Amino acid sequence: MTAAAKELVELIGALPKEKAHEVVDFARFLRQQADDAAWERVIGDTHPRPKLDAFVADALHEGKAEPLDTNKL
């Protein structure tokens, strides 16, 4: 565990339960923002991806898929 994580655990432990949940929710929000930023970098990358292009072309040639029937799982 990092020093920051240890400090956060100590701080959360000293907070009332409601406030501790707010801190955890905010941390989840920050993680989601970081995940979104990472995806935006991937999506915005202009380098060619021939394997992905081939995969998409193959998938499009297969036609429409049937909706998922959970009773068949």
N, C-alpha and C. Protein backbone atom coordinates (compact mmCIF):
# COMPACT_ATOMS: atom_id res chain seq x y z
N MET A 1 0.84 -1.18 0.00
CA MET A 1 0.00 0.00 0.00
C MET A 1 0.89 1.24 0.00
N THR A 2 0.53 2.20 -0.82
CA THR A 2 1.32 3.43 -0.92
C THR A 2 1.09 4.31 0.32
N ALA A 3 1.98 5.26 0.47
CA ALA A 3 1.84 6.19 1.60
C ALA A 3 0.54 6.98 1.48
N ALA A 4 0.17 7.37 0.27
CA ALA A 4 -1.08 8.11 0.07
C ALA A 4 -2.28 7.25 0.44
N ALA A 5 -2.24 5.98 0.07
CA ALA A 5 -3.35 5.08 0.39
C ALA A 5 -3.46 4.89 1.91
N LYS A 6 -2.33 4.74 2.57
CA LYS A 6 -2.35 4.60 4.04
C LYS A 6 -2.93 5.85 4.68
N GLU A 7 -2.51 7.02 4.20
CA GLU A 7 -3.03 8.27 4.76
C GLU A 7 -4.53 8.38 4.52
N LEU A 8 -4.98 7.99 3.35
CA LEU A 8 -6.40 8.05 3.03
C LEU A 8 -7.20 7.12 3.94
N VAL A 9 -6.69 5.94 4.19
CA VAL A 9 -7.37 5.00 5.08
C VAL A 9 -7.50 5.60 6.47
N GLU A 10 -6.44 6.22 6.95
CA GLU A 10 -6.47 6.86 8.27
C GLU A 10 -7.48 8.00 8.30
N LEU A 11 -7.47 8.83 7.26
CA LEU A 11 -8.40 9.95 7.21
C LEU A 11 -9.85 9.48 7.16
N ILE A 12 -10.12 8.50 6.34
CA ILE A 12 -11.48 7.99 6.23
C ILE A 12 -11.93 7.38 7.55
N GLY A 13 -11.01 6.69 8.23
CA GLY A 13 -11.34 6.09 9.52
C GLY A 13 -11.71 7.12 10.58
N ALA A 14 -11.23 8.33 10.42
CA ALA A 14 -11.51 9.38 11.41
C ALA A 14 -12.79 10.15 11.08
N LEU A 15 -13.37 9.94 9.92
CA LEU A 15 -14.57 10.66 9.51
C LEU A 15 -15.83 9.94 9.97
N PRO A 16 -16.92 10.71 10.11
CA PRO A 16 -18.22 10.05 10.33
C PRO A 16 -18.57 9.18 9.12
N LYS A 17 -19.38 8.18 9.34
CA LYS A 17 -19.70 7.20 8.30
C LYS A 17 -20.19 7.86 7.00
N GLU A 18 -21.08 8.85 7.12
CA GLU A 18 -21.62 9.51 5.92
C GLU A 18 -20.52 10.20 5.13
N LYS A 19 -19.65 10.89 5.84
CA LYS A 19 -18.56 11.62 5.16
C LYS A 19 -17.56 10.64 4.53
N ALA A 20 -17.32 9.53 5.22
CA ALA A 20 -16.42 8.52 4.66
C ALA A 20 -16.97 7.99 3.34
N HIS A 21 -18.29 7.77 3.27
CA HIS A 21 -18.91 7.31 2.02
C HIS A 21 -18.79 8.37 0.93
N GLU A 22 -18.89 9.64 1.31
CA GLU A 22 -18.73 10.71 0.32
C GLU A 22 -17.32 10.72 -0.26
N VAL A 23 -16.33 10.49 0.60
CA VAL A 23 -14.95 10.45 0.13
C VAL A 23 -14.75 9.28 -0.84
N VAL A 24 -15.32 8.13 -0.49
CA VAL A 24 -15.20 6.96 -1.36
C VAL A 24 -15.89 7.22 -2.70
N ASP A 25 -17.07 7.83 -2.66
CA ASP A 25 -17.77 8.16 -3.90
C ASP A 25 -16.95 9.11 -4.76
N PHE A 26 -16.32 10.09 -4.11
CA PHE A 26 -15.50 11.04 -4.86
C PHE A 26 -14.29 10.34 -5.48
N ALA A 27 -13.69 9.42 -4.73
CA ALA A 27 -12.55 8.66 -5.26
C ALA A 27 -12.98 7.83 -6.47
N ARG A 28 -14.17 7.26 -6.41
CA ARG A 28 -14.69 6.50 -7.56
C ARG A 28 -14.88 7.43 -8.76
N PHE A 29 -15.40 8.63 -8.50
CA PHE A 29 -15.57 9.61 -9.57
C PHE A 29 -14.24 9.94 -10.21
N LEU A 30 -13.21 10.18 -9.39
CA LEU A 30 -11.88 10.50 -9.92
C LEU A 30 -11.32 9.35 -10.75
N ARG A 31 -11.53 8.12 -10.27
CA ARG A 31 -11.05 6.96 -11.04
C ARG A 31 -11.76 6.87 -12.38
N GLN A 32 -13.07 7.12 -12.38
CA GLN A 32 -13.83 7.08 -13.63
C GLN A 32 -13.33 8.15 -14.59
N GLN A 33 -13.01 9.33 -14.07
CA GLN A 33 -12.48 10.40 -14.91
C GLN A 33 -11.15 9.97 -15.54
N ALA A 34 -10.30 9.32 -14.76
CA ALA A 34 -9.02 8.85 -15.28
C ALA A 34 -9.24 7.79 -16.36
N ASP A 35 -10.20 6.88 -16.11
CA ASP A 35 -10.51 5.85 -17.11
C ASP A 35 -11.03 6.49 -18.39
N ASP A 36 -11.90 7.48 -18.25
CA ASP A 36 -12.44 8.16 -19.43
C ASP A 36 -11.34 8.85 -20.22
N ALA A 37 -10.42 9.49 -19.50
CA ALA A 37 -9.32 10.19 -20.17
C ALA A 37 -8.45 9.20 -20.94
N ALA A 38 -8.22 8.03 -20.35
CA ALA A 38 -7.41 7.02 -21.03
C ALA A 38 -8.11 6.55 -22.31
N TRP A 39 -9.43 6.32 -22.26
CA TRP A 39 -10.16 5.90 -23.45
C TRP A 39 -10.16 7.00 -24.51
N GLU A 40 -10.29 8.24 -24.08
CA GLU A 40 -10.26 9.35 -25.04
C GLU A 40 -8.92 9.39 -25.78
N ARG A 41 -7.83 9.11 -25.06
CA ARG A 41 -6.51 9.06 -25.72
C ARG A 41 -6.46 7.93 -26.74
N VAL A 42 -7.00 6.78 -26.38
CA VAL A 42 -7.00 5.64 -27.30
C VAL A 42 -7.85 5.95 -28.52
N ILE A 43 -9.04 6.47 -28.30
CA ILE A 43 -9.95 6.77 -29.40
C ILE A 43 -9.38 7.86 -30.31
N GLY A 44 -8.72 8.84 -29.71
CA GLY A 44 -8.19 9.94 -30.49
C GLY A 44 -6.87 9.66 -31.18
N ASP A 45 -6.26 8.51 -30.89
CA ASP A 45 -4.98 8.16 -31.52
C ASP A 45 -5.21 7.91 -33.00
N THR A 46 -4.43 8.58 -33.84
CA THR A 46 -4.63 8.46 -35.29
C THR A 46 -3.75 7.40 -35.94
N HIS A 47 -2.98 6.66 -35.15
CA HIS A 47 -2.14 5.61 -35.74
C HIS A 47 -3.03 4.54 -36.37
N PRO A 48 -2.64 4.01 -37.51
CA PRO A 48 -3.44 2.96 -38.15
C PRO A 48 -3.44 1.68 -37.30
N ARG A 49 -4.57 1.01 -37.32
CA ARG A 49 -4.72 -0.26 -36.59
C ARG A 49 -5.27 -1.31 -37.58
N PRO A 50 -4.40 -1.88 -38.37
CA PRO A 50 -4.88 -2.79 -39.42
C PRO A 50 -5.61 -4.02 -38.88
N LYS A 51 -5.18 -4.55 -37.74
CA LYS A 51 -5.88 -5.73 -37.20
C LYS A 51 -7.29 -5.37 -36.76
N LEU A 52 -7.44 -4.21 -36.13
CA LEU A 52 -8.77 -3.77 -35.73
C LEU A 52 -9.63 -3.50 -36.95
N ASP A 53 -9.06 -2.85 -37.95
CA ASP A 53 -9.81 -2.59 -39.18
C ASP A 53 -10.27 -3.89 -39.83
N ALA A 54 -9.41 -4.89 -39.86
CA ALA A 54 -9.77 -6.19 -40.45
C ALA A 54 -10.87 -6.86 -39.63
N PHE A 55 -10.77 -6.77 -38.31
CA PHE A 55 -11.79 -7.36 -37.44
C PHE A 55 -13.14 -6.71 -37.67
N VAL A 56 -13.17 -5.39 -37.75
CA VAL A 56 -14.42 -4.66 -37.98
C VAL A 56 -14.99 -5.02 -39.35
N ALA A 57 -14.14 -5.09 -40.36
CA ALA A 57 -14.62 -5.44 -41.71
C ALA A 57 -15.22 -6.84 -41.71
N ASP A 58 -14.57 -7.80 -41.06
CA ASP A 58 -15.10 -9.16 -40.97
C ASP A 58 -16.45 -9.18 -40.25
N ALA A 59 -16.54 -8.44 -39.16
CA ALA A 59 -17.78 -8.40 -38.39
C ALA A 59 -18.91 -7.80 -39.22
N LEU A 60 -18.61 -6.77 -39.98
CA LEU A 60 -19.64 -6.15 -40.80
C LEU A 60 -20.10 -7.07 -41.92
N HIS A 61 -19.21 -7.90 -42.44
CA HIS A 61 -19.58 -8.84 -43.51
C HIS A 61 -20.44 -9.97 -42.99
N GLU A 62 -20.39 -10.25 -41.70
CA GLU A 62 -21.22 -11.32 -41.11
C GLU A 62 -22.69 -10.94 -41.07
N GLY A 63 -22.99 -9.68 -41.13
CA GLY A 63 -24.38 -9.24 -41.09
C GLY A 63 -24.85 -8.99 -39.66
N LYS A 64 -26.16 -8.80 -39.55
CA LYS A 64 -26.72 -8.48 -38.24
C LYS A 64 -26.74 -9.72 -37.34
N ALA A 65 -26.49 -9.49 -36.08
CA ALA A 65 -26.52 -10.56 -35.09
C ALA A 65 -27.91 -10.66 -34.49
N GLU A 66 -28.23 -11.84 -33.99
CA GLU A 66 -29.50 -12.02 -33.29
C GLU A 66 -29.39 -11.40 -31.90
N PRO A 67 -30.49 -10.89 -31.38
CA PRO A 67 -30.45 -10.38 -30.00
C PRO A 67 -30.09 -11.50 -29.03
N LEU A 68 -29.45 -11.14 -27.95
CA LEU A 68 -29.05 -12.12 -26.95
C LEU A 68 -30.28 -12.70 -26.27
N ASP A 69 -30.38 -14.01 -26.27
CA ASP A 69 -31.47 -14.72 -25.57
C ASP A 69 -30.88 -15.31 -24.31
N THR A 70 -31.19 -14.70 -23.18
CA THR A 70 -30.62 -15.16 -21.90
C THR A 70 -31.11 -16.55 -21.51
N ASN A 71 -32.21 -17.00 -22.11
CA ASN A 71 -32.71 -18.35 -21.81
C ASN A 71 -31.83 -19.43 -22.43
N LYS A 72 -31.01 -19.05 -23.41
CA LYS A 72 -30.13 -20.01 -24.08
C LYS A 72 -28.76 -20.10 -23.42
N LEU A 73 -28.49 -19.24 -22.44
CA LEU A 73 -27.18 -19.25 -21.78
C LEU A 73 -27.02 -20.44 -20.88
